[in-house]
Amino acid sequence: MTGVRLGRAECIRTSFAGADLRRADIGDAAFIGCDMSDTDLRGSTVTLAAFGESDLTDAKVHGMTGSVVGSIVLTTQATTTELDGIRLERWFTRNGAKVSVVN
């Protein structure tokens, strides 16, 4: 799915685990409760995409740009952590993305 254009797609509880979405134009797509673990989002762009409690554990986001709303979940063996707002924006920054989080 490299370079795909998602526009206003609505994905609810869909698995994108391990998907290659490099350089994708994600646009205003909504990902609600999706499994996006280990998804490659490097170089993708988002206009105002929603990530409502989607699991981005081990996702690659380096070079991703744009704005998002909502929250993500990160899962380890012992815990599940939900990130939103400034915590989510810092996560993107630490992982090489230039993504702002809109409340």
N, C-alpha and C. Protein backbone atom coordinates (compact mmCIF):
# COMPACT_ATOMS: atom_id res chain seq x y z
N MET A 1 0.82 -1.19 0.00
CA MET A 1 0.00 0.00 0.00
C MET A 1 0.87 1.26 0.00
N THR A 2 2.11 1.13 -0.40
CA THR A 2 3.02 2.27 -0.46
C THR A 2 2.42 3.35 -1.36
N GLY A 3 2.38 4.59 -0.85
CA GLY A 3 1.90 5.72 -1.64
C GLY A 3 0.40 5.80 -1.81
N VAL A 4 -0.36 4.97 -1.12
CA VAL A 4 -1.82 4.97 -1.23
C VAL A 4 -2.41 6.31 -0.80
N ARG A 5 -3.55 6.67 -1.34
CA ARG A 5 -4.28 7.88 -0.95
C ARG A 5 -5.55 7.45 -0.24
N LEU A 6 -5.63 7.73 1.06
CA LEU A 6 -6.77 7.26 1.84
C LEU A 6 -7.88 8.31 1.97
N GLY A 7 -7.56 9.58 1.80
CA GLY A 7 -8.58 10.63 1.84
C GLY A 7 -9.39 10.63 3.11
N ARG A 8 -10.65 10.28 3.01
CA ARG A 8 -11.57 10.29 4.16
C ARG A 8 -12.01 8.88 4.56
N ALA A 9 -11.15 7.91 4.34
CA ALA A 9 -11.49 6.52 4.68
C ALA A 9 -11.83 6.41 6.17
N GLU A 10 -12.76 5.53 6.49
CA GLU A 10 -13.14 5.26 7.88
C GLU A 10 -12.85 3.79 8.15
N CYS A 11 -11.91 3.55 9.05
CA CYS A 11 -11.51 2.19 9.38
C CYS A 11 -11.80 1.95 10.85
N ILE A 12 -12.64 0.98 11.14
CA ILE A 12 -13.02 0.68 12.52
C ILE A 12 -12.62 -0.76 12.82
N ARG A 13 -11.79 -0.92 13.87
CA ARG A 13 -11.30 -2.23 14.29
C ARG A 13 -10.75 -3.04 13.11
N THR A 14 -9.95 -2.38 12.29
CA THR A 14 -9.34 -3.00 11.12
C THR A 14 -7.87 -3.28 11.43
N SER A 15 -7.35 -4.37 10.92
CA SER A 15 -5.93 -4.67 11.14
C SER A 15 -5.08 -4.16 9.98
N PHE A 16 -4.13 -3.30 10.34
CA PHE A 16 -3.10 -2.84 9.42
C PHE A 16 -1.74 -3.34 9.92
N ALA A 17 -1.75 -4.30 10.83
CA ALA A 17 -0.53 -4.79 11.46
C ALA A 17 0.50 -5.17 10.40
N GLY A 18 1.67 -4.54 10.47
CA GLY A 18 2.75 -4.82 9.56
C GLY A 18 2.59 -4.24 8.16
N ALA A 19 1.55 -3.45 7.93
CA ALA A 19 1.30 -2.89 6.59
C ALA A 19 2.37 -1.87 6.21
N ASP A 20 2.64 -1.78 4.93
CA ASP A 20 3.59 -0.81 4.39
C ASP A 20 2.80 0.38 3.84
N LEU A 21 2.74 1.44 4.64
CA LEU A 21 2.04 2.67 4.25
C LEU A 21 3.03 3.81 4.05
N ARG A 22 4.26 3.47 3.66
CA ARG A 22 5.25 4.52 3.42
C ARG A 22 4.75 5.48 2.35
N ARG A 23 5.02 6.75 2.60
CA ARG A 23 4.67 7.84 1.68
C ARG A 23 3.18 7.90 1.36
N ALA A 24 2.34 7.34 2.21
CA ALA A 24 0.89 7.37 1.99
C ALA A 24 0.35 8.76 2.27
N ASP A 25 -0.66 9.15 1.52
CA ASP A 25 -1.41 10.37 1.80
C ASP A 25 -2.63 9.94 2.59
N ILE A 26 -2.52 10.03 3.91
CA ILE A 26 -3.56 9.53 4.79
C ILE A 26 -4.72 10.51 4.88
N GLY A 27 -4.45 11.79 4.62
CA GLY A 27 -5.52 12.79 4.59
C GLY A 27 -6.27 12.90 5.89
N ASP A 28 -7.59 12.84 5.81
CA ASP A 28 -8.48 12.97 6.97
C ASP A 28 -9.06 11.61 7.38
N ALA A 29 -8.36 10.54 7.09
CA ALA A 29 -8.86 9.21 7.40
C ALA A 29 -9.05 9.04 8.91
N ALA A 30 -9.96 8.15 9.27
CA ALA A 30 -10.22 7.85 10.68
C ALA A 30 -9.89 6.38 10.93
N PHE A 31 -9.04 6.15 11.92
CA PHE A 31 -8.66 4.80 12.34
C PHE A 31 -9.12 4.65 13.79
N ILE A 32 -10.22 3.96 14.00
CA ILE A 32 -10.79 3.83 15.33
C ILE A 32 -10.62 2.39 15.82
N GLY A 33 -9.85 2.23 16.89
CA GLY A 33 -9.63 0.91 17.47
C GLY A 33 -8.91 -0.04 16.53
N CYS A 34 -8.06 0.48 15.65
CA CYS A 34 -7.37 -0.35 14.66
C CYS A 34 -6.05 -0.90 15.20
N ASP A 35 -5.66 -2.06 14.69
CA ASP A 35 -4.35 -2.63 15.01
C ASP A 35 -3.38 -2.14 13.95
N MET A 36 -2.54 -1.17 14.33
CA MET A 36 -1.54 -0.62 13.43
C MET A 36 -0.14 -0.93 13.95
N SER A 37 -0.05 -2.00 14.74
CA SER A 37 1.25 -2.39 15.29
C SER A 37 2.20 -2.77 14.16
N ASP A 38 3.42 -2.29 14.28
CA ASP A 38 4.49 -2.57 13.31
C ASP A 38 4.17 -2.05 11.90
N THR A 39 3.24 -1.11 11.80
CA THR A 39 2.93 -0.50 10.50
C THR A 39 4.02 0.49 10.12
N ASP A 40 4.40 0.52 8.86
CA ASP A 40 5.42 1.44 8.38
C ASP A 40 4.74 2.67 7.79
N LEU A 41 4.77 3.77 8.54
CA LEU A 41 4.15 5.03 8.13
C LEU A 41 5.20 6.08 7.75
N ARG A 42 6.43 5.66 7.54
CA ARG A 42 7.51 6.61 7.26
C ARG A 42 7.21 7.43 6.01
N GLY A 43 7.38 8.75 6.16
CA GLY A 43 7.18 9.66 5.04
C GLY A 43 5.73 9.91 4.67
N SER A 44 4.80 9.40 5.45
CA SER A 44 3.39 9.61 5.15
C SER A 44 2.95 11.00 5.60
N THR A 45 1.82 11.46 5.06
CA THR A 45 1.27 12.76 5.45
C THR A 45 -0.16 12.58 5.93
N VAL A 46 -0.49 13.37 6.93
CA VAL A 46 -1.85 13.38 7.46
C VAL A 46 -2.35 14.83 7.45
N THR A 47 -3.59 15.03 7.07
CA THR A 47 -4.16 16.37 7.10
C THR A 47 -4.75 16.61 8.47
N LEU A 48 -5.70 15.80 8.86
CA LEU A 48 -6.28 15.83 10.20
C LEU A 48 -6.85 14.45 10.47
N ALA A 49 -5.97 13.47 10.45
CA ALA A 49 -6.38 12.08 10.63
C ALA A 49 -6.72 11.81 12.10
N ALA A 50 -7.62 10.86 12.31
CA ALA A 50 -8.03 10.48 13.67
C ALA A 50 -7.49 9.09 13.98
N PHE A 51 -6.83 8.97 15.12
CA PHE A 51 -6.33 7.68 15.59
C PHE A 51 -6.97 7.39 16.94
N GLY A 52 -8.24 7.08 16.96
CA GLY A 52 -8.96 6.81 18.20
C GLY A 52 -8.62 5.48 18.80
N GLU A 53 -7.74 5.49 19.79
CA GLU A 53 -7.35 4.29 20.53
C GLU A 53 -6.82 3.18 19.62
N SER A 54 -6.17 3.55 18.54
CA SER A 54 -5.54 2.55 17.68
C SER A 54 -4.17 2.18 18.25
N ASP A 55 -3.79 0.93 18.07
CA ASP A 55 -2.53 0.42 18.62
C ASP A 55 -1.40 0.65 17.62
N LEU A 56 -0.48 1.56 17.97
CA LEU A 56 0.67 1.86 17.11
C LEU A 56 1.97 1.31 17.71
N THR A 57 1.87 0.25 18.48
CA THR A 57 3.05 -0.37 19.06
C THR A 57 4.03 -0.76 17.94
N ASP A 58 5.29 -0.30 18.08
CA ASP A 58 6.37 -0.59 17.13
C ASP A 58 6.13 -0.02 15.73
N ALA A 59 5.19 0.92 15.57
CA ALA A 59 4.98 1.56 14.27
C ALA A 59 6.17 2.46 13.95
N LYS A 60 6.50 2.55 12.68
CA LYS A 60 7.59 3.41 12.22
C LYS A 60 6.97 4.68 11.65
N VAL A 61 7.29 5.84 12.26
CA VAL A 61 6.65 7.09 11.85
C VAL A 61 7.66 8.16 11.42
N HIS A 62 8.94 7.81 11.29
CA HIS A 62 9.96 8.78 10.92
C HIS A 62 9.58 9.48 9.61
N GLY A 63 9.62 10.81 9.62
CA GLY A 63 9.31 11.58 8.43
C GLY A 63 7.83 11.82 8.20
N MET A 64 6.98 11.29 9.07
CA MET A 64 5.54 11.53 8.96
C MET A 64 5.27 12.99 9.30
N THR A 65 4.36 13.64 8.58
CA THR A 65 4.06 15.06 8.82
C THR A 65 2.56 15.30 8.82
N GLY A 66 2.15 16.39 9.50
CA GLY A 66 0.76 16.81 9.48
C GLY A 66 0.17 16.94 10.86
N SER A 67 -1.14 16.73 10.96
CA SER A 67 -1.87 16.87 12.22
C SER A 67 -2.81 15.69 12.42
N VAL A 68 -2.97 15.31 13.69
CA VAL A 68 -3.89 14.22 14.04
C VAL A 68 -4.76 14.64 15.22
N VAL A 69 -5.84 13.92 15.41
CA VAL A 69 -6.68 14.05 16.59
C VAL A 69 -6.82 12.68 17.22
N GLY A 70 -7.19 12.65 18.49
CA GLY A 70 -7.44 11.39 19.15
C GLY A 70 -6.27 10.89 19.96
N SER A 71 -6.24 9.58 20.12
CA SER A 71 -5.23 8.96 20.96
C SER A 71 -4.74 7.67 20.32
N ILE A 72 -3.61 7.20 20.80
CA ILE A 72 -3.10 5.89 20.37
C ILE A 72 -2.82 5.06 21.61
N VAL A 73 -2.64 3.78 21.41
CA VAL A 73 -2.24 2.90 22.49
C VAL A 73 -0.92 2.23 22.12
N LEU A 74 -0.09 2.06 23.13
CA LEU A 74 1.18 1.35 22.99
C LEU A 74 1.15 0.20 23.99
N THR A 75 1.45 -1.00 23.53
CA THR A 75 1.34 -2.18 24.38
C THR A 75 2.72 -2.80 24.59
N THR A 76 3.01 -3.11 25.85
CA THR A 76 4.19 -3.89 26.18
C THR A 76 3.70 -5.17 26.85
N GLN A 77 4.62 -6.03 27.25
CA GLN A 77 4.20 -7.28 27.89
C GLN A 77 3.38 -7.02 29.15
N ALA A 78 3.72 -5.97 29.89
CA ALA A 78 3.08 -5.75 31.18
C ALA A 78 1.94 -4.72 31.15
N THR A 79 1.97 -3.76 30.23
CA THR A 79 1.00 -2.68 30.29
C THR A 79 0.53 -2.21 28.91
N THR A 80 -0.56 -1.51 28.93
CA THR A 80 -1.06 -0.80 27.76
C THR A 80 -1.16 0.66 28.17
N THR A 81 -0.53 1.54 27.38
CA THR A 81 -0.50 2.96 27.69
C THR A 81 -1.22 3.73 26.60
N GLU A 82 -2.12 4.61 26.98
CA GLU A 82 -2.82 5.46 26.01
C GLU A 82 -2.14 6.83 26.00
N LEU A 83 -1.84 7.33 24.81
CA LEU A 83 -1.22 8.64 24.65
C LEU A 83 -2.16 9.56 23.87
N ASP A 84 -2.32 10.77 24.36
CA ASP A 84 -3.07 11.78 23.63
C ASP A 84 -2.45 13.14 23.92
N GLY A 85 -2.95 14.17 23.27
CA GLY A 85 -2.47 15.53 23.51
C GLY A 85 -0.97 15.67 23.39
N ILE A 86 -0.38 16.40 24.34
CA ILE A 86 1.06 16.70 24.31
C ILE A 86 1.90 15.43 24.42
N ARG A 87 1.43 14.44 25.17
CA ARG A 87 2.18 13.18 25.28
C ARG A 87 2.28 12.47 23.93
N LEU A 88 1.19 12.51 23.16
CA LEU A 88 1.21 11.89 21.84
C LEU A 88 2.11 12.68 20.89
N GLU A 89 2.03 14.01 20.97
CA GLU A 89 2.87 14.85 20.11
C GLU A 89 4.36 14.59 20.41
N ARG A 90 4.71 14.44 21.68
CA ARG A 90 6.10 14.14 22.06
C ARG A 90 6.52 12.77 21.56
N TRP A 91 5.61 11.80 21.58
CA TRP A 91 5.92 10.47 21.06
C TRP A 91 6.26 10.56 19.58
N PHE A 92 5.44 11.28 18.82
CA PHE A 92 5.74 11.46 17.39
C PHE A 92 7.11 12.10 17.21
N THR A 93 7.39 13.16 17.95
CA THR A 93 8.67 13.86 17.83
C THR A 93 9.84 12.94 18.15
N ARG A 94 9.75 12.19 19.26
CA ARG A 94 10.82 11.25 19.64
C ARG A 94 11.07 10.21 18.56
N ASN A 95 10.06 9.91 17.77
CA ASN A 95 10.18 8.89 16.74
C ASN A 95 10.41 9.47 15.35
N GLY A 96 10.81 10.76 15.29
CA GLY A 96 11.22 11.37 14.04
C GLY A 96 10.12 11.93 13.16
N ALA A 97 8.92 12.10 13.71
CA ALA A 97 7.81 12.65 12.95
C ALA A 97 7.59 14.12 13.32
N LYS A 98 7.02 14.86 12.39
CA LYS A 98 6.64 16.26 12.65
C LYS A 98 5.11 16.33 12.57
N VAL A 99 4.48 15.77 13.60
CA VAL A 99 3.04 15.68 13.65
C VAL A 99 2.53 16.43 14.87
N SER A 100 1.59 17.34 14.64
CA SER A 100 0.97 18.04 15.76
C SER A 100 -0.34 17.34 16.12
N VAL A 101 -0.70 17.45 17.40
CA VAL A 101 -1.93 16.82 17.89
C VAL A 101 -2.91 17.93 18.21
N VAL A 102 -4.07 17.87 17.59
CA VAL A 102 -5.12 18.86 17.78
C VAL A 102 -6.13 18.31 18.76
N ASN A 103 -6.47 19.08 19.76
CA ASN A 103 -7.48 18.60 20.74
C ASN A 103 -8.87 18.88 20.28
